[in-house]
Amino acid sequence: MQRSPRSSAHKGCRPPFNGQSTATLDHLNAATTYYWRVKTTAGDNPSILSATSTFSIGPQLVIQPPTTVTPLATTFPHKRPTFTVTNAVRKGPPAVVTYRFDVATDATFQTVVATGTVPEGPMQTSFVPNVDLVPATSYAWRAQASDTAKEVSSEYSATQAFAIVNPDDGLWRYLLSLHLVSAVCHAAVVPPLRDVSFDNGLTVSGDHLQYALPSSWGFDYLLKLEVNRTGSQFSGTFGSNPNSAELMMWPGAAHFGIYIFRDVVSGTVDNTAGRFTGIYRGTFSDEGFPSHYQCEGEIAVTLTPH
C-alpha cells in the first residue's frame, strides 16, 4: 500500500538546525510503505524537488483475547481461587504483555469485587486475589491482555461463571457415593457389588467434615472426615469414632447391609472441585434371608458438591 508523496499530514517544518530541517507527521498506518520528497522554494528562484526516498512502517501489534482455563462453571473453588488463562496469541512486533483479571458478582461487571494485573507467565498466566470471596456465592470473571507501552489491548476473554462452594464453616449439600473396589467374601455365592449413594448435608467446621446419613432403624449413622483442605491428603480417619464407621442400609425390602470401615488406604482432596475421595478398607455383610454373607474389601468413598 502506498501513500501520496504530496500528503500534507504533518505539523510543519522546524527552522534549520546544523543545516537540516525536520517535519513531524501525524499518525501513519502500520504495515505500509511510504514515499517522500522535499520541495525547496527560495524567493523568486525555481522550486526544486529532492530525490524520492522510501520507508516502511512495520506490522501493527494485534493481541487476541486470552482463553480462560479455571475456574469454570463445573468447578467449586475455595474463597481465594487461582484464576488461570492460556496466554493470548498475538501477531506483529514483539510485545511485553500483562493480564488484567476482573471478578464480579454480575455478568456485566458492574460490581467488581477483585481485580489485579500480573505479568505474563510461560504458556499460562495466573492471578490470585488478595481478598476472600464469599462461600455459596456465584461470581463471574474475565481477563484482558495488554502491551501498555504500545497501547494495544485485546478484547476481554469469554466471561466465566463459577460458585464458591468448597465450604467454609456451615452446612452444604453433598452427594456421598460408595463403590466397592474389591472384596473377598466368606460365602458360596459372592453377592452383587452394588454402588450406594446418599444426597445429604455435609457439616463443615474448620478442617473437620461430618456427613450425616439418613436414619435407619431409628439410628443416625455419622461419617466423619478429618481433612487438611489446604493440602492434598486426608490427615485423619474416616468414621463415627477413631476406629471405624458403620453404615446400616436397606438396599432391598428383604435384606439390609452393614458396612464397617476401619482403615484409610488412601485419600485425596481436590480443592478446585471441592471433591473428597478416599479408599477405605473394611467389611460389609448382608444380614438378610435367605442368604448371609460377610466380605472384606476396599471401598471408594467420594463426596461431591451439588
C-alpha atoms as a PDB file:
ATOM      1  CA  MET A   1       0.000   0.000   0.000  1.00  0.00           C
ATOM      2  CA  GLN A   2       1.374   3.440  -0.906  1.00  0.00           C
ATOM      3  CA  ARG A   3       0.670   6.975   0.216  1.00  0.00           C
ATOM      4  CA  SER A   4       0.777  10.059  -1.992  1.00  0.00           C
ATOM      5  CA  PRO A   5       4.066  11.943  -1.800  1.00  0.00           C
ATOM      6  CA  ARG A   6       2.023  15.152  -1.707  1.00  0.00           C
ATOM      7  CA  SER A   7       0.458  14.319   1.646  1.00  0.00           C
ATOM      8  CA  SER A   8       0.316  17.324   3.937  1.00  0.00           C
ATOM      9  CA  ALA A   9      -0.244  15.271   7.098  1.00  0.00           C
ATOM     10  CA  HIS A  10       2.472  16.981   9.089  1.00  0.00           C
ATOM     11  CA  LYS A  11       2.778  19.632  11.738  1.00  0.00           C
ATOM     12  CA  GLY A  12       5.076  21.958   9.763  1.00  0.00           C
ATOM     13  CA  CYS A  13       8.810  22.247   9.265  1.00  0.00           C
ATOM     14  CA  ARG A  14      11.117  23.335  12.006  1.00  0.00           C
ATOM     15  CA  PRO A  15      13.725  26.027  11.363  1.00  0.00           C
ATOM     16  CA  PRO A  16      17.022  24.740  10.006  1.00  0.00           C
ATOM     17  CA  PHE A  17      19.481  23.464  12.582  1.00  0.00           C
ATOM     18  CA  ASN A  18      23.020  22.470  11.644  1.00  0.00           C
ATOM     19  CA  GLY A  19      21.980  22.664   8.034  1.00  0.00           C
ATOM     20  CA  GLN A  20      18.952  20.341   8.499  1.00  0.00           C
ATOM     21  CA  SER A  21      15.191  20.863   8.611  1.00  0.00           C
ATOM     22  CA  THR A  22      12.662  18.437  10.116  1.00  0.00           C
ATOM     23  CA  ALA A  23       8.913  17.878   9.915  1.00  0.00           C
ATOM     24  CA  THR A  24       6.735  15.758  12.226  1.00  0.00           C
ATOM     25  CA  LEU A  25       3.968  13.740  10.595  1.00  0.00           C
ATOM     26  CA  ASP A  26       0.659  12.734  12.077  1.00  0.00           C
ATOM     27  CA  HIS A  27      -0.063   9.065  12.817  1.00  0.00           C
ATOM     28  CA  LEU A  28       0.727   6.773   9.866  1.00  0.00           C
ATOM     29  CA  ASN A  29      -0.841   3.394   9.233  1.00  0.00           C
ATOM     30  CA  ALA A  30       1.075   0.259  10.133  1.00  0.00           C
ATOM     31  CA  ALA A  31       2.208  -2.336   7.581  1.00  0.00           C
ATOM     32  CA  THR A  32       2.511   0.349   4.877  1.00  0.00           C
ATOM     33  CA  THR A  33       5.273   1.573   2.548  1.00  0.00           C
ATOM     34  CA  TYR A  34       5.578   5.330   2.111  1.00  0.00           C
ATOM     35  CA  TYR A  35       7.445   7.561  -0.379  1.00  0.00           C
ATOM     36  CA  TRP A  36       8.582  11.078   0.448  1.00  0.00           C
ATOM     37  CA  ARG A  37      10.392  14.048  -1.048  1.00  0.00           C
ATOM     38  CA  VAL A  38      11.046  17.707  -0.245  1.00  0.00           C
ATOM     39  CA  LYS A  39      10.203  20.769  -2.289  1.00  0.00           C
ATOM     40  CA  THR A  40      12.517  23.739  -1.693  1.00  0.00           C
ATOM     41  CA  THR A  41      11.420  27.272  -2.547  1.00  0.00           C
ATOM     42  CA  ALA A  42      13.618  30.360  -2.108  1.00  0.00           C
ATOM     43  CA  GLY A  43      12.326  33.740  -3.221  1.00  0.00           C
ATOM     44  CA  ASP A  44      11.930  34.009  -6.979  1.00  0.00           C
ATOM     45  CA  ASN A  45      14.143  31.012  -7.643  1.00  0.00           C
ATOM     46  CA  PRO A  46      12.515  27.995  -9.252  1.00  0.00           C
ATOM     47  CA  SER A  47      11.322  25.343  -6.787  1.00  0.00           C
ATOM     48  CA  ILE A  48      13.487  22.296  -6.507  1.00  0.00           C
ATOM     49  CA  LEU A  49      12.254  18.787  -5.668  1.00  0.00           C
ATOM     50  CA  SER A  50      14.533  16.403  -3.859  1.00  0.00           C
ATOM     51  CA  ALA A  51      15.066  12.826  -4.906  1.00  0.00           C
ATOM     52  CA  THR A  52      12.298  10.473  -3.784  1.00  0.00           C
ATOM     53  CA  SER A  53      13.015   8.325  -0.714  1.00  0.00           C
ATOM     54  CA  THR A  54      11.021   5.463   0.784  1.00  0.00           C
ATOM     55  CA  PHE A  55      10.395   3.954   4.194  1.00  0.00           C
ATOM     56  CA  SER A  56       8.039   1.356   5.671  1.00  0.00           C
ATOM     57  CA  ILE A  57       6.012   1.134   8.871  1.00  0.00           C
ATOM     58  CA  GLY A  58       6.163  -2.364  10.349  1.00  0.00           C
ATOM     59  CA  PRO A  59       3.158  -4.584  11.102  1.00  0.00           C
ATOM     60  CA  GLN A  60       0.736  -3.494  13.776  1.00  0.00           C
ATOM     61  CA  LEU A  61       0.635  -5.460  17.041  1.00  0.00           C
ATOM     62  CA  VAL A  62      -2.602  -7.427  17.357  1.00  0.00           C
ATOM     63  CA  ILE A  63      -3.396  -9.317  20.577  1.00  0.00           C
ATOM     64  CA  GLN A  64      -6.137 -11.924  20.669  1.00  0.00           C
ATOM     65  CA  PRO A  65      -8.228 -12.456  23.839  1.00  0.00           C
ATOM     66  CA  PRO A  66      -6.766 -14.945  26.329  1.00  0.00           C
ATOM     67  CA  THR A  67      -8.582 -18.244  26.888  1.00  0.00           C
ATOM     68  CA  THR A  68      -9.980 -18.972  30.350  1.00  0.00           C
ATOM     69  CA  VAL A  69      -8.787 -22.223  31.949  1.00  0.00           C
ATOM     70  CA  THR A  70     -10.035 -22.254  35.551  1.00  0.00           C
ATOM     71  CA  PRO A  71     -12.255 -21.787  37.460  1.00  0.00           C
ATOM     72  CA  LEU A  72     -15.120 -22.797  35.183  1.00  0.00           C
ATOM     73  CA  ALA A  73     -18.797 -23.369  35.846  1.00  0.00           C
ATOM     74  CA  THR A  74     -18.147 -27.021  36.711  1.00  0.00           C
ATOM     75  CA  THR A  75     -15.578 -26.240  39.398  1.00  0.00           C
ATOM     76  CA  PHE A  76     -16.122 -25.249  43.018  1.00  0.00           C
ATOM     77  CA  PRO A  77     -13.074 -23.344  44.237  1.00  0.00           C
ATOM     78  CA  HIS A  78     -12.187 -22.119  47.693  1.00  0.00           C
ATOM     79  CA  LYS A  79     -12.569 -18.483  48.765  1.00  0.00           C
ATOM     80  CA  ARG A  80      -9.281 -17.390  47.148  1.00  0.00           C
ATOM     81  CA  PRO A  81      -9.242 -19.298  43.863  1.00  0.00           C
ATOM     82  CA  THR A  82      -6.430 -19.188  41.350  1.00  0.00           C
ATOM     83  CA  PHE A  83      -7.642 -17.678  38.071  1.00  0.00           C
ATOM     84  CA  THR A  84      -5.748 -19.031  35.062  1.00  0.00           C
ATOM     85  CA  VAL A  85      -5.793 -18.213  31.348  1.00  0.00           C
ATOM     86  CA  THR A  86      -3.925 -19.555  28.360  1.00  0.00           C
ATOM     87  CA  ASN A  87      -1.624 -16.818  27.118  1.00  0.00           C
ATOM     88  CA  ALA A  88      -3.010 -14.608  24.363  1.00  0.00           C
ATOM     89  CA  VAL A  89      -1.997 -15.265  20.769  1.00  0.00           C
ATOM     90  CA  ARG A  90      -0.592 -12.190  19.025  1.00  0.00           C
ATOM     91  CA  LYS A  91       0.919 -11.165  15.740  1.00  0.00           C
ATOM     92  CA  GLY A  92       3.198  -8.303  14.808  1.00  0.00           C
ATOM     93  CA  PRO A  93       6.262  -6.989  16.622  1.00  0.00           C
ATOM     94  CA  PRO A  94       7.495  -8.419  19.954  1.00  0.00           C
ATOM     95  CA  ALA A  95       5.338  -7.461  22.899  1.00  0.00           C
ATOM     96  CA  VAL A  96       5.598  -7.256  26.676  1.00  0.00           C
ATOM     97  CA  VAL A  97       2.188  -8.462  27.773  1.00  0.00           C
ATOM     98  CA  THR A  98       0.400  -8.161  31.095  1.00  0.00           C
ATOM     99  CA  TYR A  99      -3.007  -9.558  32.049  1.00  0.00           C
ATOM    100  CA  ARG A 100      -5.819  -7.825  33.895  1.00  0.00           C
ATOM    101  CA  PHE A 101      -8.229 -10.087  35.786  1.00  0.00           C
ATOM    102  CA  ASP A 102     -11.654  -8.912  36.950  1.00  0.00           C
ATOM    103  CA  VAL A 103     -14.010 -10.789  39.291  1.00  0.00           C
ATOM    104  CA  ALA A 104     -17.563  -9.549  39.755  1.00  0.00           C
ATOM    105  CA  THR A 105     -20.865 -10.567  41.279  1.00  0.00           C
ATOM    106  CA  ASP A 106     -22.668  -9.939  37.999  1.00  0.00           C
ATOM    107  CA  ALA A 107     -22.076 -10.925  34.376  1.00  0.00           C
ATOM    108  CA  THR A 108     -21.950  -7.283  33.263  1.00  0.00           C
ATOM    109  CA  PHE A 109     -19.114  -6.479  35.696  1.00  0.00           C
ATOM    110  CA  GLN A 110     -20.924  -3.567  37.244  1.00  0.00           C
ATOM    111  CA  THR A 111     -19.837  -4.781  40.682  1.00  0.00           C
ATOM    112  CA  VAL A 112     -16.178  -5.823  40.545  1.00  0.00           C
ATOM    113  CA  VAL A 113     -15.050  -7.313  43.861  1.00  0.00           C
ATOM    114  CA  ALA A 114     -11.489  -8.297  42.947  1.00  0.00           C
ATOM    115  CA  THR A 115      -9.088  -7.167  40.246  1.00  0.00           C
ATOM    116  CA  GLY A 116      -5.387  -7.324  39.516  1.00  0.00           C
ATOM    117  CA  THR A 117      -2.768  -7.060  36.772  1.00  0.00           C
ATOM    118  CA  VAL A 118       0.055  -9.594  36.529  1.00  0.00           C
ATOM    119  CA  PRO A 119       2.924 -10.159  34.064  1.00  0.00           C
ATOM    120  CA  GLU A 120       2.640 -12.930  31.508  1.00  0.00           C
ATOM    121  CA  GLY A 121       3.800 -16.381  32.572  1.00  0.00           C
ATOM    122  CA  PRO A 122       5.076 -19.242  30.416  1.00  0.00           C
ATOM    123  CA  MET A 123       2.178 -20.733  28.385  1.00  0.00           C
ATOM    124  CA  GLN A 124      -0.370 -19.749  31.049  1.00  0.00           C
ATOM    125  CA  THR A 125      -0.852 -16.801  33.381  1.00  0.00           C
ATOM    126  CA  SER A 126      -2.491 -16.926  36.817  1.00  0.00           C
ATOM    127  CA  PHE A 127      -3.830 -14.470  39.343  1.00  0.00           C
ATOM    128  CA  VAL A 128      -4.819 -14.955  42.992  1.00  0.00           C
ATOM    129  CA  PRO A 129      -6.968 -12.208  44.551  1.00  0.00           C
ATOM    130  CA  ASN A 130      -5.874 -10.625  47.817  1.00  0.00           C
ATOM    131  CA  VAL A 131      -9.422 -10.642  49.194  1.00  0.00           C
ATOM    132  CA  ASP A 132     -11.662 -13.527  50.235  1.00  0.00           C
ATOM    133  CA  LEU A 133     -14.656 -14.372  48.081  1.00  0.00           C
ATOM    134  CA  VAL A 134     -17.883 -15.317  49.829  1.00  0.00           C
ATOM    135  CA  PRO A 135     -18.801 -19.028  50.080  1.00  0.00           C
ATOM    136  CA  ALA A 136     -22.107 -20.095  48.490  1.00  0.00           C
ATOM    137  CA  THR A 137     -21.925 -17.087  46.141  1.00  0.00           C
ATOM    138  CA  SER A 138     -21.893 -17.031  42.337  1.00  0.00           C
ATOM    139  CA  TYR A 139     -19.295 -14.931  40.523  1.00  0.00           C
ATOM    140  CA  ALA A 140     -18.180 -14.065  37.002  1.00  0.00           C
ATOM    141  CA  TRP A 141     -14.609 -13.435  35.848  1.00  0.00           C
ATOM    142  CA  ARG A 142     -12.712 -12.428  32.733  1.00  0.00           C
ATOM    143  CA  ALA A 143      -9.225 -11.392  31.649  1.00  0.00           C
ATOM    144  CA  GLN A 144      -7.664  -8.979  29.159  1.00  0.00           C
ATOM    145  CA  ALA A 145      -4.135  -8.960  27.677  1.00  0.00           C
ATOM    146  CA  SER A 146      -2.290  -5.683  27.032  1.00  0.00           C
ATOM    147  CA  ASP A 147       1.035  -4.210  25.971  1.00  0.00           C
ATOM    148  CA  THR A 148       0.851  -0.887  27.801  1.00  0.00           C
ATOM    149  CA  ALA A 149       3.960   0.563  26.156  1.00  0.00           C
ATOM    150  CA  LYS A 150       2.413   0.099  22.707  1.00  0.00           C
ATOM    151  CA  GLU A 151      -1.077   0.975  23.992  1.00  0.00           C
ATOM    152  CA  VAL A 152      -2.511  -2.218  22.497  1.00  0.00           C
ATOM    153  CA  SER A 153      -5.052  -4.410  24.309  1.00  0.00           C
ATOM    154  CA  SER A 154      -7.038  -7.489  23.422  1.00  0.00           C
ATOM    155  CA  GLU A 155     -10.746  -7.889  23.781  1.00  0.00           C
ATOM    156  CA  TYR A 156     -11.819  -9.474  27.054  1.00  0.00           C
ATOM    157  CA  SER A 157     -11.858 -13.233  27.316  1.00  0.00           C
ATOM    158  CA  ALA A 158     -15.169 -15.047  27.395  1.00  0.00           C
ATOM    159  CA  THR A 159     -16.915 -14.465  30.718  1.00  0.00           C
ATOM    160  CA  GLN A 160     -16.870 -17.478  33.012  1.00  0.00           C
ATOM    161  CA  ALA A 161     -19.246 -18.131  35.893  1.00  0.00           C
ATOM    162  CA  PHE A 162     -18.337 -20.105  38.990  1.00  0.00           C
ATOM    163  CA  ALA A 163     -19.531 -20.556  42.554  1.00  0.00           C
ATOM    164  CA  ILE A 164     -17.573 -20.606  45.794  1.00  0.00           C
ATOM    165  CA  VAL A 165     -18.799 -23.926  47.137  1.00  0.00           C
ATOM    166  CA  ASN A 166     -15.712 -25.537  48.671  1.00  0.00           C
ATOM    167  CA  PRO A 167     -17.140 -24.909  52.071  1.00  0.00           C
ATOM    168  CA  ASP A 168     -16.116 -22.834  54.995  1.00  0.00           C
ATOM    169  CA  ASP A 169     -17.972 -23.475  58.224  1.00  0.00           C
ATOM    170  CA  GLY A 170     -21.583 -24.305  57.543  1.00  0.00           C
ATOM    171  CA  LEU A 171     -23.914 -26.910  56.061  1.00  0.00           C
ATOM    172  CA  TRP A 172     -23.585 -27.821  52.391  1.00  0.00           C
ATOM    173  CA  ARG A 173     -25.414 -30.188  50.087  1.00  0.00           C
ATOM    174  CA  TYR A 174     -23.114 -33.049  49.051  1.00  0.00           C
ATOM    175  CA  LEU A 175     -23.541 -36.396  47.359  1.00  0.00           C
ATOM    176  CA  LEU A 176     -21.859 -39.349  49.069  1.00  0.00           C
ATOM    177  CA  SER A 177     -21.040 -42.314  46.798  1.00  0.00           C
ATOM    178  CA  LEU A 178     -19.762 -45.717  47.922  1.00  0.00           C
ATOM    179  CA  HIS A 179     -18.241 -48.104  45.403  1.00  0.00           C
ATOM    180  CA  LEU A 180     -16.812 -51.490  46.316  1.00  0.00           C
ATOM    181  CA  VAL A 181     -13.424 -51.705  44.621  1.00  0.00           C
ATOM    182  CA  SER A 182     -12.559 -55.287  45.603  1.00  0.00           C
ATOM    183  CA  ALA A 183     -13.795 -57.902  48.055  1.00  0.00           C
ATOM    184  CA  VAL A 184     -13.195 -61.373  49.431  1.00  0.00           C
ATOM    185  CA  CYS A 185     -16.447 -62.919  50.616  1.00  0.00           C
ATOM    186  CA  HIS A 186     -16.947 -65.855  53.004  1.00  0.00           C
ATOM    187  CA  ALA A 187     -19.885 -67.339  51.168  1.00  0.00           C
ATOM    188  CA  ALA A 188     -20.536 -69.842  48.450  1.00  0.00           C
ATOM    189  CA  VAL A 189     -22.018 -67.156  46.253  1.00  0.00           C
ATOM    190  CA  VAL A 190     -20.465 -63.703  46.013  1.00  0.00           C
ATOM    191  CA  PRO A 191     -23.213 -61.081  46.186  1.00  0.00           C
ATOM    192  CA  PRO A 192     -23.537 -58.379  43.556  1.00  0.00           C
ATOM    193  CA  LEU A 193     -21.346 -55.370  44.255  1.00  0.00           C
ATOM    194  CA  ARG A 194     -23.814 -52.518  44.135  1.00  0.00           C
ATOM    195  CA  ASP A 195     -22.928 -48.841  44.394  1.00  0.00           C
ATOM    196  CA  VAL A 196     -24.721 -46.850  47.064  1.00  0.00           C
ATOM    197  CA  SER A 197     -25.205 -43.082  47.165  1.00  0.00           C
ATOM    198  CA  PHE A 198     -26.742 -40.566  49.554  1.00  0.00           C
ATOM    199  CA  ASP A 199     -27.746 -36.960  48.934  1.00  0.00           C
ATOM    200  CA  ASN A 200     -27.453 -35.107  52.181  1.00  0.00           C
ATOM    201  CA  GLY A 201     -25.798 -32.302  54.101  1.00  0.00           C
ATOM    202  CA  LEU A 202     -22.091 -32.004  54.812  1.00  0.00           C
ATOM    203  CA  THR A 203     -21.353 -30.113  58.022  1.00  0.00           C
ATOM    204  CA  VAL A 204     -18.043 -28.275  57.981  1.00  0.00           C
ATOM    205  CA  SER A 205     -16.170 -26.933  60.970  1.00  0.00           C
ATOM    206  CA  GLY A 206     -12.638 -25.890  60.114  1.00  0.00           C
ATOM    207  CA  ASP A 207     -10.896 -28.879  58.558  1.00  0.00           C
ATOM    208  CA  HIS A 208     -13.370 -31.284  60.161  1.00  0.00           C
ATOM    209  CA  LEU A 209     -16.013 -32.640  57.789  1.00  0.00           C
ATOM    210  CA  GLN A 210     -19.028 -34.561  59.056  1.00  0.00           C
ATOM    211  CA  TYR A 211     -21.560 -36.205  56.759  1.00  0.00           C
ATOM    212  CA  ALA A 212     -24.827 -37.307  58.421  1.00  0.00           C
ATOM    213  CA  LEU A 213     -26.623 -40.174  56.686  1.00  0.00           C
ATOM    214  CA  PRO A 214     -30.369 -40.831  56.838  1.00  0.00           C
ATOM    215  CA  SER A 215     -31.734 -42.709  59.831  1.00  0.00           C
ATOM    216  CA  SER A 216     -32.049 -46.468  59.690  1.00  0.00           C
ATOM    217  CA  TRP A 217     -33.872 -48.441  62.356  1.00  0.00           C
ATOM    218  CA  GLY A 218     -34.156 -45.238  64.354  1.00  0.00           C
ATOM    219  CA  PHE A 219     -30.383 -44.680  64.487  1.00  0.00           C
ATOM    220  CA  ASP A 220     -28.328 -41.903  62.921  1.00  0.00           C
ATOM    221  CA  TYR A 221     -25.005 -43.008  61.491  1.00  0.00           C
ATOM    222  CA  LEU A 222     -22.304 -40.420  61.006  1.00  0.00           C
ATOM    223  CA  LEU A 223     -19.418 -40.349  58.607  1.00  0.00           C
ATOM    224  CA  LYS A 224     -16.608 -38.020  59.598  1.00  0.00           C
ATOM    225  CA  LEU A 225     -13.595 -36.904  57.617  1.00  0.00           C
ATOM    226  CA  GLU A 226     -10.642 -35.135  59.142  1.00  0.00           C
ATOM    227  CA  VAL A 227      -9.326 -33.244  56.138  1.00  0.00           C
ATOM    228  CA  ASN A 228      -6.460 -30.818  55.615  1.00  0.00           C
ATOM    229  CA  ARG A 229      -8.127 -28.810  52.859  1.00  0.00           C
ATOM    230  CA  THR A 230      -5.038 -26.695  52.232  1.00  0.00           C
ATOM    231  CA  GLY A 231      -3.135 -29.780  51.137  1.00  0.00           C
ATOM    232  CA  SER A 232      -3.868 -32.825  49.054  1.00  0.00           C
ATOM    233  CA  GLN A 233      -4.174 -35.689  51.528  1.00  0.00           C
ATOM    234  CA  PHE A 234      -6.557 -36.813  54.235  1.00  0.00           C
ATOM    235  CA  SER A 235      -4.956 -36.096  57.573  1.00  0.00           C
ATOM    236  CA  GLY A 236      -7.206 -38.216  59.777  1.00  0.00           C
ATOM    237  CA  THR A 237      -9.619 -41.110  59.887  1.00  0.00           C
ATOM    238  CA  PHE A 238     -12.999 -41.865  58.415  1.00  0.00           C
ATOM    239  CA  GLY A 239     -15.574 -42.970  60.912  1.00  0.00           C
ATOM    240  CA  SER A 240     -18.059 -42.216  63.642  1.00  0.00           C
ATOM    241  CA  ASN A 241     -15.297 -42.840  66.150  1.00  0.00           C
ATOM    242  CA  PRO A 242     -11.487 -43.006  65.885  1.00  0.00           C
ATOM    243  CA  ASN A 243     -11.600 -46.695  64.910  1.00  0.00           C
ATOM    244  CA  SER A 244     -14.425 -47.287  62.477  1.00  0.00           C
ATOM    245  CA  ALA A 245     -17.586 -46.111  60.779  1.00  0.00           C
ATOM    246  CA  GLU A 246     -20.698 -48.208  60.436  1.00  0.00           C
ATOM    247  CA  LEU A 247     -23.437 -47.774  57.857  1.00  0.00           C
ATOM    248  CA  MET A 248     -26.713 -49.651  58.030  1.00  0.00           C
ATOM    249  CA  MET A 249     -28.643 -49.579  54.775  1.00  0.00           C
ATOM    250  CA  TRP A 250     -31.751 -51.089  53.209  1.00  0.00           C
ATOM    251  CA  PRO A 251     -30.785 -51.912  49.614  1.00  0.00           C
ATOM    252  CA  GLY A 252     -33.935 -54.052  49.253  1.00  0.00           C
ATOM    253  CA  ALA A 253     -37.105 -54.948  51.071  1.00  0.00           C
ATOM    254  CA  ALA A 254     -35.886 -58.421  52.057  1.00  0.00           C
ATOM    255  CA  HIS A 255     -32.467 -57.645  53.457  1.00  0.00           C
ATOM    256  CA  PHE A 256     -30.126 -54.953  54.621  1.00  0.00           C
ATOM    257  CA  GLY A 257     -26.388 -54.496  54.637  1.00  0.00           C
ATOM    258  CA  ILE A 258     -23.840 -53.252  57.113  1.00  0.00           C
ATOM    259  CA  TYR A 259     -20.631 -51.569  56.014  1.00  0.00           C
ATOM    260  CA  ILE A 260     -17.864 -51.074  58.562  1.00  0.00           C
ATOM    261  CA  PHE A 261     -14.785 -49.040  57.591  1.00  0.00           C
ATOM    262  CA  ARG A 262     -11.682 -49.328  59.739  1.00  0.00           C
ATOM    263  CA  ASP A 263      -8.585 -48.243  57.823  1.00  0.00           C
ATOM    264  CA  VAL A 264      -7.808 -45.412  55.472  1.00  0.00           C
ATOM    265  CA  VAL A 265      -5.921 -46.799  52.471  1.00  0.00           C
ATOM    266  CA  SER A 266      -5.576 -43.514  50.619  1.00  0.00           C
ATOM    267  CA  GLY A 267      -7.354 -40.234  50.250  1.00  0.00           C
ATOM    268  CA  THR A 268      -7.163 -37.023  48.264  1.00  0.00           C
ATOM    269  CA  VAL A 269      -8.719 -33.602  48.459  1.00  0.00           C
ATOM    270  CA  ASP A 270      -9.424 -31.684  45.257  1.00  0.00           C
ATOM    271  CA  ASN A 271      -9.639 -28.100  46.454  1.00  0.00           C
ATOM    272  CA  THR A 272     -10.551 -26.852  42.985  1.00  0.00           C
ATOM    273  CA  ALA A 273     -13.562 -29.123  42.575  1.00  0.00           C
ATOM    274  CA  GLY A 274     -14.489 -29.227  46.265  1.00  0.00           C
ATOM    275  CA  ARG A 275     -14.337 -33.015  45.960  1.00  0.00           C
ATOM    276  CA  PHE A 276     -13.122 -35.505  48.539  1.00  0.00           C
ATOM    277  CA  THR A 277     -12.190 -39.048  47.555  1.00  0.00           C
ATOM    278  CA  GLY A 278     -10.694 -41.912  49.523  1.00  0.00           C
ATOM    279  CA  ILE A 279     -10.209 -45.669  49.592  1.00  0.00           C
ATOM    280  CA  TYR A 280     -11.134 -47.383  52.844  1.00  0.00           C
ATOM    281  CA  ARG A 281     -10.606 -50.940  53.991  1.00  0.00           C
ATOM    282  CA  GLY A 282     -13.299 -52.718  55.972  1.00  0.00           C
ATOM    283  CA  THR A 283     -16.105 -55.283  55.894  1.00  0.00           C
ATOM    284  CA  PHE A 284     -19.648 -55.461  54.686  1.00  0.00           C
ATOM    285  CA  SER A 285     -22.308 -58.084  55.223  1.00  0.00           C
ATOM    286  CA  ASP A 286     -25.854 -58.994  54.319  1.00  0.00           C
ATOM    287  CA  GLU A 287     -27.864 -59.982  57.370  1.00  0.00           C
ATOM    288  CA  GLY A 288     -30.975 -60.817  55.395  1.00  0.00           C
ATOM    289  CA  PHE A 289     -32.591 -64.051  54.245  1.00  0.00           C
ATOM    290  CA  PRO A 290     -32.323 -66.490  52.658  1.00  0.00           C
ATOM    291  CA  SER A 291     -28.587 -65.849  52.363  1.00  0.00           C
ATOM    292  CA  HIS A 292     -25.980 -64.451  54.660  1.00  0.00           C
ATOM    293  CA  TYR A 293     -22.538 -63.311  53.646  1.00  0.00           C
ATOM    294  CA  GLN A 294     -19.664 -61.321  55.015  1.00  0.00           C
ATOM    295  CA  CYS A 295     -16.966 -59.721  52.887  1.00  0.00           C
ATOM    296  CA  GLU A 296     -13.730 -57.895  53.395  1.00  0.00           C
ATOM    297  CA  GLY A 297     -12.627 -55.366  50.860  1.00  0.00           C
ATOM    298  CA  GLU A 298     -11.844 -51.852  49.857  1.00  0.00           C
ATOM    299  CA  ILE A 299     -14.482 -49.231  49.225  1.00  0.00           C
ATOM    300  CA  ALA A 300     -14.105 -45.972  47.313  1.00  0.00           C
ATOM    301  CA  VAL A 301     -15.833 -43.110  49.106  1.00  0.00           C
ATOM    302  CA  THR A 302     -16.490 -39.853  47.250  1.00  0.00           C
ATOM    303  CA  LEU A 303     -18.044 -36.612  48.457  1.00  0.00           C
ATOM    304  CA  THR A 304     -19.084 -34.305  45.617  1.00  0.00           C
ATOM    305  CA  PRO A 305     -20.776 -30.901  45.914  1.00  0.00           C
ATOM    306  CA  HIS A 306     -24.024 -30.106  44.125  1.00  0.00           C
END
